[in-house]
Amino acid sequence: LNGIGVQGLTVTEVKGYGRQKGHTELYRGAEYVVDFLPKMK
């Protein structure tokens, strides 16, 4: 964006999900669902 001349922007750390609906992780033998994934807005 800087390269094309955009002078300012706002960035926010957000969490969400789309079609993938998060994912499942294994932690200390227990399985849990991570619904909201870290994103940048």
PDB file of all heavy atoms in Angstrom:
ATOM      1  N   LEU A   1       0.830  -1.206   0.000  1.00  0.00           N
ATOM      2  CA  LEU A   1       0.000   0.000   0.000  1.00  0.00           C
ATOM      3  C   LEU A   1       0.869   1.262   0.000  1.00  0.00           C
ATOM      4  O   LEU A   1       0.566   2.227  -0.703  1.00  0.00           O
ATOM      5  CB  LEU A   1      -0.963  -0.006   1.192  1.00  0.00           C
ATOM      6  CG  LEU A   1      -2.095  -1.023   1.097  1.00  0.00           C
ATOM      7  CD1 LEU A   1      -2.869  -1.094   2.408  1.00  0.00           C
ATOM      8  CD2 LEU A   1      -3.037  -0.692  -0.053  1.00  0.00           C
ATOM      9  N   ASN A   2       1.928   1.263   0.766  1.00  0.00           N
ATOM     10  CA  ASN A   2       2.848   2.404   0.757  1.00  0.00           C
ATOM     11  C   ASN A   2       3.444   2.594  -0.631  1.00  0.00           C
ATOM     12  O   ASN A   2       3.641   3.716  -1.088  1.00  0.00           O
ATOM     13  CB  ASN A   2       3.974   2.222   1.779  1.00  0.00           C
ATOM     14  CG  ASN A   2       3.517   2.472   3.203  1.00  0.00           C
ATOM     15  OD1 ASN A   2       2.514   3.126   3.429  1.00  0.00           O
ATOM     16  ND2 ASN A   2       4.250   1.929   4.153  1.00  0.00           N
ATOM     17  N   GLY A   3       3.715   1.504  -1.315  1.00  0.00           N
ATOM     18  CA  GLY A   3       4.309   1.550  -2.636  1.00  0.00           C
ATOM     19  C   GLY A   3       3.428   2.190  -3.703  1.00  0.00           C
ATOM     20  O   GLY A   3       3.933   2.704  -4.698  1.00  0.00           O
ATOM     21  N   ILE A   4       2.117   2.183  -3.503  1.00  0.00           N
ATOM     22  CA  ILE A   4       1.222   2.815  -4.479  1.00  0.00           C
ATOM     23  C   ILE A   4       0.758   4.193  -4.025  1.00  0.00           C
ATOM     24  O   ILE A   4      -0.054   4.820  -4.691  1.00  0.00           O
ATOM     25  CB  ILE A   4       0.001   1.931  -4.815  1.00  0.00           C
ATOM     26  CG1 ILE A   4      -0.871   1.708  -3.581  1.00  0.00           C
ATOM     27  CG2 ILE A   4       0.431   0.631  -5.448  1.00  0.00           C
ATOM     28  CD1 ILE A   4      -2.254   1.225  -3.906  1.00  0.00           C
ATOM     29  N   GLY A   5       1.254   4.656  -2.876  1.00  0.00           N
ATOM     30  CA  GLY A   5       0.942   6.010  -2.443  1.00  0.00           C
ATOM     31  C   GLY A   5      -0.152   6.155  -1.403  1.00  0.00           C
ATOM     32  O   GLY A   5      -0.597   7.260  -1.122  1.00  0.00           O
ATOM     33  N   VAL A   6      -0.584   5.055  -0.798  1.00  0.00           N
ATOM     34  CA  VAL A   6      -1.563   5.147   0.292  1.00  0.00           C
ATOM     35  C   VAL A   6      -0.834   5.705   1.506  1.00  0.00           C
ATOM     36  O   VAL A   6       0.182   5.172   1.930  1.00  0.00           O
ATOM     37  CB  VAL A   6      -2.195   3.765   0.602  1.00  0.00           C
ATOM     38  CG1 VAL A   6      -3.056   3.835   1.844  1.00  0.00           C
ATOM     39  CG2 VAL A   6      -2.998   3.282  -0.590  1.00  0.00           C
ATOM     40  N   GLN A   7      -1.371   6.799   2.062  1.00  0.00           N
ATOM     41  CA  GLN A   7      -0.638   7.524   3.100  1.00  0.00           C
ATOM     42  C   GLN A   7      -0.938   7.077   4.518  1.00  0.00           C
ATOM     43  O   GLN A   7      -0.151   7.317   5.416  1.00  0.00           O
ATOM     44  CB  GLN A   7      -0.923   9.013   2.970  1.00  0.00           C
ATOM     45  CG  GLN A   7      -0.355   9.587   1.689  1.00  0.00           C
ATOM     46  CD  GLN A   7      -0.570  11.077   1.585  1.00  0.00           C
ATOM     47  OE1 GLN A   7      -1.238  11.674   2.417  1.00  0.00           O
ATOM     48  NE2 GLN A   7      -0.010  11.672   0.557  1.00  0.00           N
ATOM     49  N   GLY A   8      -2.059   6.467   4.770  1.00  0.00           N
ATOM     50  CA  GLY A   8      -2.363   6.065   6.133  1.00  0.00           C
ATOM     51  C   GLY A   8      -3.278   4.858   6.154  1.00  0.00           C
ATOM     52  O   GLY A   8      -4.017   4.606   5.206  1.00  0.00           O
ATOM     53  N   LEU A   9      -3.193   4.112   7.248  1.00  0.00           N
ATOM     54  CA  LEU A   9      -4.083   2.982   7.420  1.00  0.00           C
ATOM     55  C   LEU A   9      -4.251   2.708   8.901  1.00  0.00           C
ATOM     56  O   LEU A   9      -3.449   3.142   9.711  1.00  0.00           O
ATOM     57  CB  LEU A   9      -3.587   1.743   6.669  1.00  0.00           C
ATOM     58  CG  LEU A   9      -2.205   1.199   6.971  1.00  0.00           C
ATOM     59  CD1 LEU A   9      -2.276   0.097   8.019  1.00  0.00           C
ATOM     60  CD2 LEU A   9      -1.625   0.617   5.709  1.00  0.00           C
ATOM     61  N   THR A  10      -5.310   2.008   9.226  1.00  0.00           N
ATOM     62  CA  THR A  10      -5.584   1.611  10.594  1.00  0.00           C
ATOM     63  C   THR A  10      -5.559   0.099  10.652  1.00  0.00           C
ATOM     64  O   THR A  10      -6.111  -0.570   9.784  1.00  0.00           O
ATOM     65  CB  THR A  10      -6.974   2.121  11.044  1.00  0.00           C
ATOM     66  OG1 THR A  10      -6.996   3.546  10.939  1.00  0.00           O
ATOM     67  CG2 THR A  10      -7.280   1.722  12.470  1.00  0.00           C
ATOM     68  N   VAL A  11      -4.904  -0.447  11.677  1.00  0.00           N
ATOM     69  CA  VAL A  11      -4.790  -1.889  11.831  1.00  0.00           C
ATOM     70  C   VAL A  11      -5.341  -2.281  13.196  1.00  0.00           C
ATOM     71  O   VAL A  11      -5.042  -1.646  14.204  1.00  0.00           O
ATOM     72  CB  VAL A  11      -3.313  -2.334  11.726  1.00  0.00           C
ATOM     73  CG1 VAL A  11      -3.175  -3.819  11.971  1.00  0.00           C
ATOM     74  CG2 VAL A  11      -2.737  -1.960  10.374  1.00  0.00           C
ATOM     75  N   THR A  12      -6.152  -3.343  13.201  1.00  0.00           N
ATOM     76  CA  THR A  12      -6.738  -3.859  14.429  1.00  0.00           C
ATOM     77  C   THR A  12      -6.524  -5.362  14.475  1.00  0.00           C
ATOM     78  O   THR A  12      -6.706  -6.043  13.471  1.00  0.00           O
ATOM     79  CB  THR A  12      -8.258  -3.579  14.465  1.00  0.00           C
ATOM     80  OG1 THR A  12      -8.504  -2.207  14.167  1.00  0.00           O
ATOM     81  CG2 THR A  12      -8.841  -3.897  15.824  1.00  0.00           C
ATOM     82  N   GLU A  13      -6.151  -5.867  15.643  1.00  0.00           N
ATOM     83  CA  GLU A  13      -6.079  -7.313  15.825  1.00  0.00           C
ATOM     84  C   GLU A  13      -7.492  -7.804  16.091  1.00  0.00           C
ATOM     85  O   GLU A  13      -8.163  -7.311  16.994  1.00  0.00           O
ATOM     86  CB  GLU A  13      -5.177  -7.675  17.003  1.00  0.00           C
ATOM     87  CG  GLU A  13      -3.721  -7.381  16.753  1.00  0.00           C
ATOM     88  CD  GLU A  13      -2.843  -7.791  17.930  1.00  0.00           C
ATOM     89  OE1 GLU A  13      -3.206  -8.745  18.657  1.00  0.00           O
ATOM     90  OE2 GLU A  13      -1.806  -7.149  18.115  1.00  0.00           O
ATOM     91  N   VAL A  14      -7.943  -8.766  15.286  1.00  0.00           N
ATOM     92  CA  VAL A  14      -9.296  -9.303  15.432  1.00  0.00           C
ATOM     93  C   VAL A  14      -9.235 -10.824  15.448  1.00  0.00           C
ATOM     94  O   VAL A  14      -8.205 -11.428  15.158  1.00  0.00           O
ATOM     95  CB  VAL A  14     -10.231  -8.811  14.292  1.00  0.00           C
ATOM     96  CG1 VAL A  14     -10.407  -7.300  14.360  1.00  0.00           C
ATOM     97  CG2 VAL A  14      -9.716  -9.229  12.936  1.00  0.00           C
ATOM     98  N   LYS A  15     -10.355 -11.441  15.800  1.00  0.00           N
ATOM     99  CA  LYS A  15     -10.483 -12.891  15.741  1.00  0.00           C
ATOM    100  C   LYS A  15     -11.759 -13.216  14.994  1.00  0.00           C
ATOM    101  O   LYS A  15     -12.746 -12.481  15.090  1.00  0.00           O
ATOM    102  CB  LYS A  15     -10.542 -13.495  17.143  1.00  0.00           C
ATOM    103  CG  LYS A  15      -9.242 -13.365  17.894  1.00  0.00           C
ATOM    104  CD  LYS A  15      -9.335 -14.046  19.217  1.00  0.00           C
ATOM    105  CE  LYS A  15      -7.995 -13.925  19.932  1.00  0.00           C
ATOM    106  NZ  LYS A  15      -7.930 -14.774  21.099  1.00  0.00           N
ATOM    107  N   GLY A  16     -11.737 -14.298  14.250  1.00  0.00           N
ATOM    108  CA  GLY A  16     -12.933 -14.686  13.526  1.00  0.00           C
ATOM    109  C   GLY A  16     -12.739 -15.996  12.807  1.00  0.00           C
ATOM    110  O   GLY A  16     -11.705 -16.648  12.938  1.00  0.00           O
ATOM    111  N   TYR A  17     -13.750 -16.359  12.054  1.00  0.00           N
ATOM    112  CA  TYR A  17     -13.652 -17.555  11.232  1.00  0.00           C
ATOM    113  C   TYR A  17     -14.524 -17.393  10.005  1.00  0.00           C
ATOM    114  O   TYR A  17     -15.446 -16.584   9.974  1.00  0.00           O
ATOM    115  CB  TYR A  17     -14.037 -18.827  11.997  1.00  0.00           C
ATOM    116  CG  TYR A  17     -15.483 -18.883  12.426  1.00  0.00           C
ATOM    117  CD1 TYR A  17     -16.454 -19.419  11.582  1.00  0.00           C
ATOM    118  CD2 TYR A  17     -15.868 -18.424  13.669  1.00  0.00           C
ATOM    119  CE1 TYR A  17     -17.778 -19.481  11.971  1.00  0.00           C
ATOM    120  CE2 TYR A  17     -17.185 -18.480  14.073  1.00  0.00           C
ATOM    121  CZ  TYR A  17     -18.139 -19.021  13.222  1.00  0.00           C
ATOM    122  OH  TYR A  17     -19.439 -19.076  13.607  1.00  0.00           O
ATOM    123  N   GLY A  18     -14.200 -18.148   8.993  1.00  0.00           N
ATOM    124  CA  GLY A  18     -14.966 -18.151   7.756  1.00  0.00           C
ATOM    125  C   GLY A  18     -15.458 -19.544   7.482  1.00  0.00           C
ATOM    126  O   GLY A  18     -15.917 -20.236   8.389  1.00  0.00           O
ATOM    127  N   ARG A  19     -15.302 -19.972   6.251  1.00  0.00           N
ATOM    128  CA  ARG A  19     -15.781 -21.299   5.867  1.00  0.00           C
ATOM    129  C   ARG A  19     -15.108 -22.424   6.633  1.00  0.00           C
ATOM    130  O   ARG A  19     -15.706 -23.463   6.867  1.00  0.00           O
ATOM    131  CB  ARG A  19     -15.548 -21.521   4.376  1.00  0.00           C
ATOM    132  CG  ARG A  19     -16.462 -20.728   3.518  1.00  0.00           C
ATOM    133  CD  ARG A  19     -16.256 -21.110   2.077  1.00  0.00           C
ATOM    134  NE  ARG A  19     -16.976 -20.181   1.223  1.00  0.00           N
ATOM    135  CZ  ARG A  19     -16.723 -20.002  -0.032  1.00  0.00           C
ATOM    136  NH1 ARG A  19     -15.758 -20.682  -0.609  1.00  0.00           N
ATOM    137  NH2 ARG A  19     -17.415 -19.138  -0.746  1.00  0.00           N
ATOM    138  N   GLN A  20     -13.850 -22.214   7.042  1.00  0.00           N
ATOM    139  CA  GLN A  20     -13.136 -23.305   7.691  1.00  0.00           C
ATOM    140  C   GLN A  20     -13.636 -23.558   9.108  1.00  0.00           C
ATOM    141  O   GLN A  20     -13.335 -24.582   9.696  1.00  0.00           O
ATOM    142  CB  GLN A  20     -11.619 -23.059   7.672  1.00  0.00           C
ATOM    143  CG  GLN A  20     -11.129 -22.072   8.701  1.00  0.00           C
ATOM    144  CD  GLN A  20     -11.023 -20.644   8.201  1.00  0.00           C
ATOM    145  OE1 GLN A  20     -11.743 -20.252   7.307  1.00  0.00           O
ATOM    146  NE2 GLN A  20     -10.136 -19.888   8.783  1.00  0.00           N
ATOM    147  N   LYS A  21     -14.379 -22.635   9.683  1.00  0.00           N
ATOM    148  CA  LYS A  21     -14.976 -22.781  11.013  1.00  0.00           C
ATOM    149  C   LYS A  21     -13.959 -23.135  12.098  1.00  0.00           C
ATOM    150  O   LYS A  21     -14.225 -23.907  12.999  1.00  0.00           O
ATOM    151  CB  LYS A  21     -16.071 -23.859  11.008  1.00  0.00           C
ATOM    152  CG  LYS A  21     -17.149 -23.667   9.983  1.00  0.00           C
ATOM    153  CD  LYS A  21     -18.196 -22.704  10.478  1.00  0.00           C
ATOM    154  CE  LYS A  21     -19.442 -22.713   9.636  1.00  0.00           C
ATOM    155  NZ  LYS A  21     -19.330 -22.013   8.381  1.00  0.00           N
ATOM    156  N   GLY A  22     -12.776 -22.578  12.001  1.00  0.00           N
ATOM    157  CA  GLY A  22     -11.744 -22.859  12.993  1.00  0.00           C
ATOM    158  C   GLY A  22     -11.105 -24.208  12.741  1.00  0.00           C
ATOM    159  O   GLY A  22     -11.176 -24.754  11.648  1.00  0.00           O
ATOM    160  N   HIS A  23     -10.492 -24.767  13.787  1.00  0.00           N
ATOM    161  CA  HIS A  23      -9.859 -26.073  13.647  1.00  0.00           C
ATOM    162  C   HIS A  23      -9.757 -26.745  15.011  1.00  0.00           C
ATOM    163  O   HIS A  23      -9.976 -26.124  16.044  1.00  0.00           O
ATOM    164  CB  HIS A  23      -8.478 -25.940  12.995  1.00  0.00           C
ATOM    165  CG  HIS A  23      -7.519 -25.115  13.786  1.00  0.00           C
ATOM    166  ND1 HIS A  23      -7.478 -23.740  13.710  1.00  0.00           N
ATOM    167  CD2 HIS A  23      -6.575 -25.468  14.679  1.00  0.00           C
ATOM    168  CE1 HIS A  23      -6.540 -23.282  14.531  1.00  0.00           C
ATOM    169  NE2 HIS A  23      -5.979 -24.302  15.122  1.00  0.00           N
ATOM    170  N   THR A  24      -9.420 -28.026  15.018  1.00  0.00           N
ATOM    171  CA  THR A  24      -9.278 -28.797  16.250  1.00  0.00           C
ATOM    172  C   THR A  24      -7.800 -28.939  16.575  1.00  0.00           C
ATOM    173  O   THR A  24      -6.990 -29.185  15.690  1.00  0.00           O
ATOM    174  CB  THR A  24      -9.912 -30.196  16.079  1.00  0.00           C
ATOM    175  OG1 THR A  24     -11.273 -30.021  15.704  1.00  0.00           O
ATOM    176  CG2 THR A  24      -9.857 -30.992  17.353  1.00  0.00           C
ATOM    177  N   GLU A  25      -7.453 -28.770  17.853  1.00  0.00           N
ATOM    178  CA  GLU A  25      -6.073 -28.931  18.291  1.00  0.00           C
ATOM    179  C   GLU A  25      -6.014 -29.928  19.432  1.00  0.00           C
ATOM    180  O   GLU A  25      -6.987 -30.115  20.164  1.00  0.00           O
ATOM    181  CB  GLU A  25      -5.480 -27.593  18.744  1.00  0.00           C
ATOM    182  CG  GLU A  25      -5.204 -26.640  17.616  1.00  0.00           C
ATOM    183  CD  GLU A  25      -4.415 -25.415  18.052  1.00  0.00           C
ATOM    184  OE1 GLU A  25      -3.999 -25.337  19.219  1.00  0.00           O
ATOM    185  OE2 GLU A  25      -4.197 -24.542  17.200  1.00  0.00           O
ATOM    186  N   LEU A  26      -4.856 -30.525  19.593  1.00  0.00           N
ATOM    187  CA  LEU A  26      -4.618 -31.468  20.673  1.00  0.00           C
ATOM    188  C   LEU A  26      -3.647 -30.818  21.645  1.00  0.00           C
ATOM    189  O   LEU A  26      -2.570 -30.366  21.258  1.00  0.00           O
ATOM    190  CB  LEU A  26      -4.011 -32.755  20.088  1.00  0.00           C
ATOM    191  CG  LEU A  26      -4.012 -33.972  20.987  1.00  0.00           C
ATOM    192  CD1 LEU A  26      -5.444 -34.372  21.351  1.00  0.00           C
ATOM    193  CD2 LEU A  26      -3.319 -35.130  20.273  1.00  0.00           C
ATOM    194  N   TYR A  27      -4.022 -30.739  22.920  1.00  0.00           N
ATOM    195  CA  TYR A  27      -3.173 -30.126  23.936  1.00  0.00           C
ATOM    196  C   TYR A  27      -3.162 -31.019  25.170  1.00  0.00           C
ATOM    197  O   TYR A  27      -4.210 -31.256  25.783  1.00  0.00           O
ATOM    198  CB  TYR A  27      -3.672 -28.728  24.288  1.00  0.00           C
ATOM    199  CG  TYR A  27      -2.847 -28.025  25.333  1.00  0.00           C
ATOM    200  CD1 TYR A  27      -1.571 -27.562  25.036  1.00  0.00           C
ATOM    201  CD2 TYR A  27      -3.331 -27.834  26.617  1.00  0.00           C
ATOM    202  CE1 TYR A  27      -0.800 -26.929  25.983  1.00  0.00           C
ATOM    203  CE2 TYR A  27      -2.571 -27.203  27.580  1.00  0.00           C
ATOM    204  CZ  TYR A  27      -1.304 -26.750  27.261  1.00  0.00           C
ATOM    205  OH  TYR A  27      -0.540 -26.123  28.209  1.00  0.00           O
ATOM    206  N   ARG A  28      -2.005 -31.546  25.523  1.00  0.00           N
ATOM    207  CA  ARG A  28      -1.833 -32.435  26.672  1.00  0.00           C
ATOM    208  C   ARG A  28      -2.848 -33.569  26.663  1.00  0.00           C
ATOM    209  O   ARG A  28      -3.489 -33.872  27.662  1.00  0.00           O
ATOM    210  CB  ARG A  28      -1.918 -31.652  27.975  1.00  0.00           C
ATOM    211  CG  ARG A  28      -0.760 -30.702  28.147  1.00  0.00           C
ATOM    212  CD  ARG A  28      -0.752 -30.089  29.507  1.00  0.00           C
ATOM    213  NE  ARG A  28       0.406 -29.214  29.622  1.00  0.00           N
ATOM    214  CZ  ARG A  28       0.724 -28.594  30.722  1.00  0.00           C
ATOM    215  NH1 ARG A  28      -0.007 -28.724  31.808  1.00  0.00           N
ATOM    216  NH2 ARG A  28       1.783 -27.812  30.751  1.00  0.00           N
ATOM    217  N   GLY A  29      -3.023 -34.139  25.504  1.00  0.00           N
ATOM    218  CA  GLY A  29      -3.905 -35.287  25.367  1.00  0.00           C
ATOM    219  C   GLY A  29      -5.378 -34.973  25.213  1.00  0.00           C
ATOM    220  O   GLY A  29      -6.179 -35.847  24.933  1.00  0.00           O
ATOM    221  N   ALA A  30      -5.748 -33.716  25.390  1.00  0.00           N
ATOM    222  CA  ALA A  30      -7.155 -33.326  25.262  1.00  0.00           C
ATOM    223  C   ALA A  30      -7.354 -32.590  23.938  1.00  0.00           C
ATOM    224  O   ALA A  30      -6.537 -31.762  23.544  1.00  0.00           O
ATOM    225  CB  ALA A  30      -7.574 -32.431  26.425  1.00  0.00           C
ATOM    226  N   GLU A  31      -8.442 -32.921  23.285  1.00  0.00           N
ATOM    227  CA  GLU A  31      -8.755 -32.279  22.012  1.00  0.00           C
ATOM    228  C   GLU A  31      -9.707 -31.115  22.274  1.00  0.00           C
ATOM    229  O   GLU A  31     -10.651 -31.239  23.052  1.00  0.00           O
ATOM    230  CB  GLU A  31      -9.429 -33.302  21.087  1.00  0.00           C
ATOM    231  CG  GLU A  31      -9.471 -32.890  19.645  1.00  0.00           C
ATOM    232  CD  GLU A  31      -9.997 -34.002  18.762  1.00  0.00           C
ATOM    233  OE1 GLU A  31      -9.192 -34.827  18.312  1.00  0.00           O
ATOM    234  OE2 GLU A  31     -11.218 -34.029  18.548  1.00  0.00           O
ATOM    235  N   TYR A  32      -9.434 -29.980  21.660  1.00  0.00           N
ATOM    236  CA  TYR A  32     -10.354 -28.851  21.798  1.00  0.00           C
ATOM    237  C   TYR A  32     -10.455 -28.095  20.482  1.00  0.00           C
ATOM    238  O   TYR A  32      -9.583 -28.174  19.634  1.00  0.00           O
ATOM    239  CB  TYR A  32      -9.959 -27.917  22.946  1.00  0.00           C
ATOM    240  CG  TYR A  32      -8.643 -27.208  22.767  1.00  0.00           C
ATOM    241  CD1 TYR A  32      -8.614 -25.890  22.326  1.00  0.00           C
ATOM    242  CD2 TYR A  32      -7.431 -27.826  23.045  1.00  0.00           C
ATOM    243  CE1 TYR A  32      -7.418 -25.211  22.150  1.00  0.00           C
ATOM    244  CE2 TYR A  32      -6.235 -27.162  22.875  1.00  0.00           C
ATOM    245  CZ  TYR A  32      -6.233 -25.866  22.432  1.00  0.00           C
ATOM    246  OH  TYR A  32      -5.053 -25.203  22.261  1.00  0.00           O
ATOM    247  N   VAL A  33     -11.549 -27.363  20.321  1.00  0.00           N
ATOM    248  CA  VAL A  33     -11.831 -26.655  19.077  1.00  0.00           C
ATOM    249  C   VAL A  33     -11.437 -25.195  19.220  1.00  0.00           C
ATOM    250  O   VAL A  33     -11.803 -24.549  20.201  1.00  0.00           O
ATOM    251  CB  VAL A  33     -13.330 -26.757  18.716  1.00  0.00           C
ATOM    252  CG1 VAL A  33     -13.641 -25.943  17.468  1.00  0.00           C
ATOM    253  CG2 VAL A  33     -13.729 -28.210  18.519  1.00  0.00           C
ATOM    254  N   VAL A  34     -10.681 -24.696  18.245  1.00  0.00           N
ATOM    255  CA  VAL A  34     -10.333 -23.288  18.188  1.00  0.00           C
ATOM    256  C   VAL A  34     -11.291 -22.657  17.191  1.00  0.00           C
ATOM    257  O   VAL A  34     -11.147 -22.819  15.981  1.00  0.00           O
ATOM    258  CB  VAL A  34      -8.861 -23.088  17.739  1.00  0.00           C
ATOM    259  CG1 VAL A  34      -8.534 -21.606  17.646  1.00  0.00           C
ATOM    260  CG2 VAL A  34      -7.916 -23.790  18.696  1.00  0.00           C
ATOM    261  N   ASP A  35     -12.337 -21.989  17.710  1.00  0.00           N
ATOM    262  CA  ASP A  35     -13.376 -21.424  16.844  1.00  0.00           C
ATOM    263  C   ASP A  35     -12.917 -20.142  16.164  1.00  0.00           C
ATOM    264  O   ASP A  35     -13.180 -19.928  14.996  1.00  0.00           O
ATOM    265  CB  ASP A  35     -14.639 -21.094  17.652  1.00  0.00           C
ATOM    266  CG  ASP A  35     -15.364 -22.345  18.088  1.00  0.00           C
ATOM    267  OD1 ASP A  35     -15.104 -23.416  17.509  1.00  0.00           O
ATOM    268  OD2 ASP A  35     -16.187 -22.255  19.012  1.00  0.00           O
ATOM    269  N   PHE A  36     -12.281 -19.277  16.913  1.00  0.00           N
ATOM    270  CA  PHE A  36     -11.904 -17.971  16.390  1.00  0.00           C
ATOM    271  C   PHE A  36     -10.402 -17.930  16.151  1.00  0.00           C
ATOM    272  O   PHE A  36      -9.615 -18.116  17.068  1.00  0.00           O
ATOM    273  CB  PHE A  36     -12.320 -16.860  17.359  1.00  0.00           C
ATOM    274  CG  PHE A  36     -13.802 -16.760  17.512  1.00  0.00           C
ATOM    275  CD1 PHE A  36     -14.444 -17.296  18.611  1.00  0.00           C
ATOM    276  CD2 PHE A  36     -14.561 -16.146  16.530  1.00  0.00           C
ATOM    277  CE1 PHE A  36     -15.819 -17.212  18.736  1.00  0.00           C
ATOM    278  CE2 PHE A  36     -15.935 -16.054  16.642  1.00  0.00           C
ATOM    279  CZ  PHE A  36     -16.565 -16.597  17.745  1.00  0.00           C
ATOM    280  N   LEU A  37     -10.034 -17.651  14.893  1.00  0.00           N
ATOM    281  CA  LEU A  37      -8.634 -17.602  14.517  1.00  0.00           C
ATOM    282  C   LEU A  37      -8.136 -16.158  14.523  1.00  0.00           C
ATOM    283  O   LEU A  37      -8.896 -15.245  14.185  1.00  0.00           O
ATOM    284  CB  LEU A  37      -8.465 -18.200  13.123  1.00  0.00           C
ATOM    285  CG  LEU A  37      -8.942 -19.648  12.982  1.00  0.00           C
ATOM    286  CD1 LEU A  37      -8.902 -20.068  11.523  1.00  0.00           C
ATOM    287  CD2 LEU A  37      -8.106 -20.572  13.838  1.00  0.00           C
ATOM    288  N   PRO A  38      -6.874 -15.934  14.893  1.00  0.00           N
ATOM    289  CA  PRO A  38      -6.350 -14.561  14.901  1.00  0.00           C
ATOM    290  C   PRO A  38      -6.211 -14.026  13.477  1.00  0.00           C
ATOM    291  O   PRO A  38      -5.722 -14.719  12.585  1.00  0.00           O
ATOM    292  CB  PRO A  38      -4.989 -14.697  15.577  1.00  0.00           C
ATOM    293  CG  PRO A  38      -4.614 -16.128  15.402  1.00  0.00           C
ATOM    294  CD  PRO A  38      -5.891 -16.912  15.327  1.00  0.00           C
ATOM    295  N   LYS A  39      -6.661 -12.798  13.275  1.00  0.00           N
ATOM    296  CA  LYS A  39      -6.590 -12.117  11.978  1.00  0.00           C
ATOM    297  C   LYS A  39      -6.210 -10.664  12.228  1.00  0.00           C
ATOM    298  O   LYS A  39      -6.239 -10.180  13.349  1.00  0.00           O
ATOM    299  CB  LYS A  39      -7.938 -12.154  11.251  1.00  0.00           C
ATOM    300  CG  LYS A  39      -8.491 -13.540  10.979  1.00  0.00           C
ATOM    301  CD  LYS A  39      -7.743 -14.226   9.884  1.00  0.00           C
ATOM    302  CE  LYS A  39      -8.374 -15.580   9.566  1.00  0.00           C
ATOM    303  NZ  LYS A  39      -7.738 -16.228   8.455  1.00  0.00           N
ATOM    304  N   MET A  40      -5.872  -9.962  11.156  1.00  0.00           N
ATOM    305  CA  MET A  40      -5.627  -8.523  11.211  1.00  0.00           C
ATOM    306  C   MET A  40      -6.656  -7.849  10.319  1.00  0.00           C
ATOM    307  O   MET A  40      -6.922  -8.322   9.217  1.00  0.00           O
ATOM    308  CB  MET A  40      -4.223  -8.187  10.714  1.00  0.00           C
ATOM    309  CG  MET A  40      -3.102  -8.847  11.502  1.00  0.00           C
ATOM    310  SD  MET A  40      -3.106  -8.461  13.248  1.00  0.00           S
ATOM    311  CE  MET A  40      -2.466  -6.817  13.235  1.00  0.00           C
ATOM    312  N   LYS A  41      -7.212  -6.750  10.813  1.00  0.00           N
ATOM    313  CA  LYS A  41      -8.157  -5.963  10.026  1.00  0.00           C
ATOM    314  C   LYS A  41      -7.478  -4.651   9.654  1.00  0.00           C
ATOM    315  O   LYS A  41      -7.020  -3.908  10.520  1.00  0.00           O
ATOM    316  CB  LYS A  41      -9.420  -5.679  10.826  1.00  0.00           C
ATOM    317  CG  LYS A  41     -10.450  -4.859  10.075  1.00  0.00           C
ATOM    318  CD  LYS A  41     -11.676  -4.656  10.956  1.00  0.00           C
ATOM    319  CE  LYS A  41     -12.738  -3.859  10.253  1.00  0.00           C
ATOM    320  NZ  LYS A  41     -13.914  -3.666  11.114  1.00  0.00           N
TER     321      LYS A  41
END
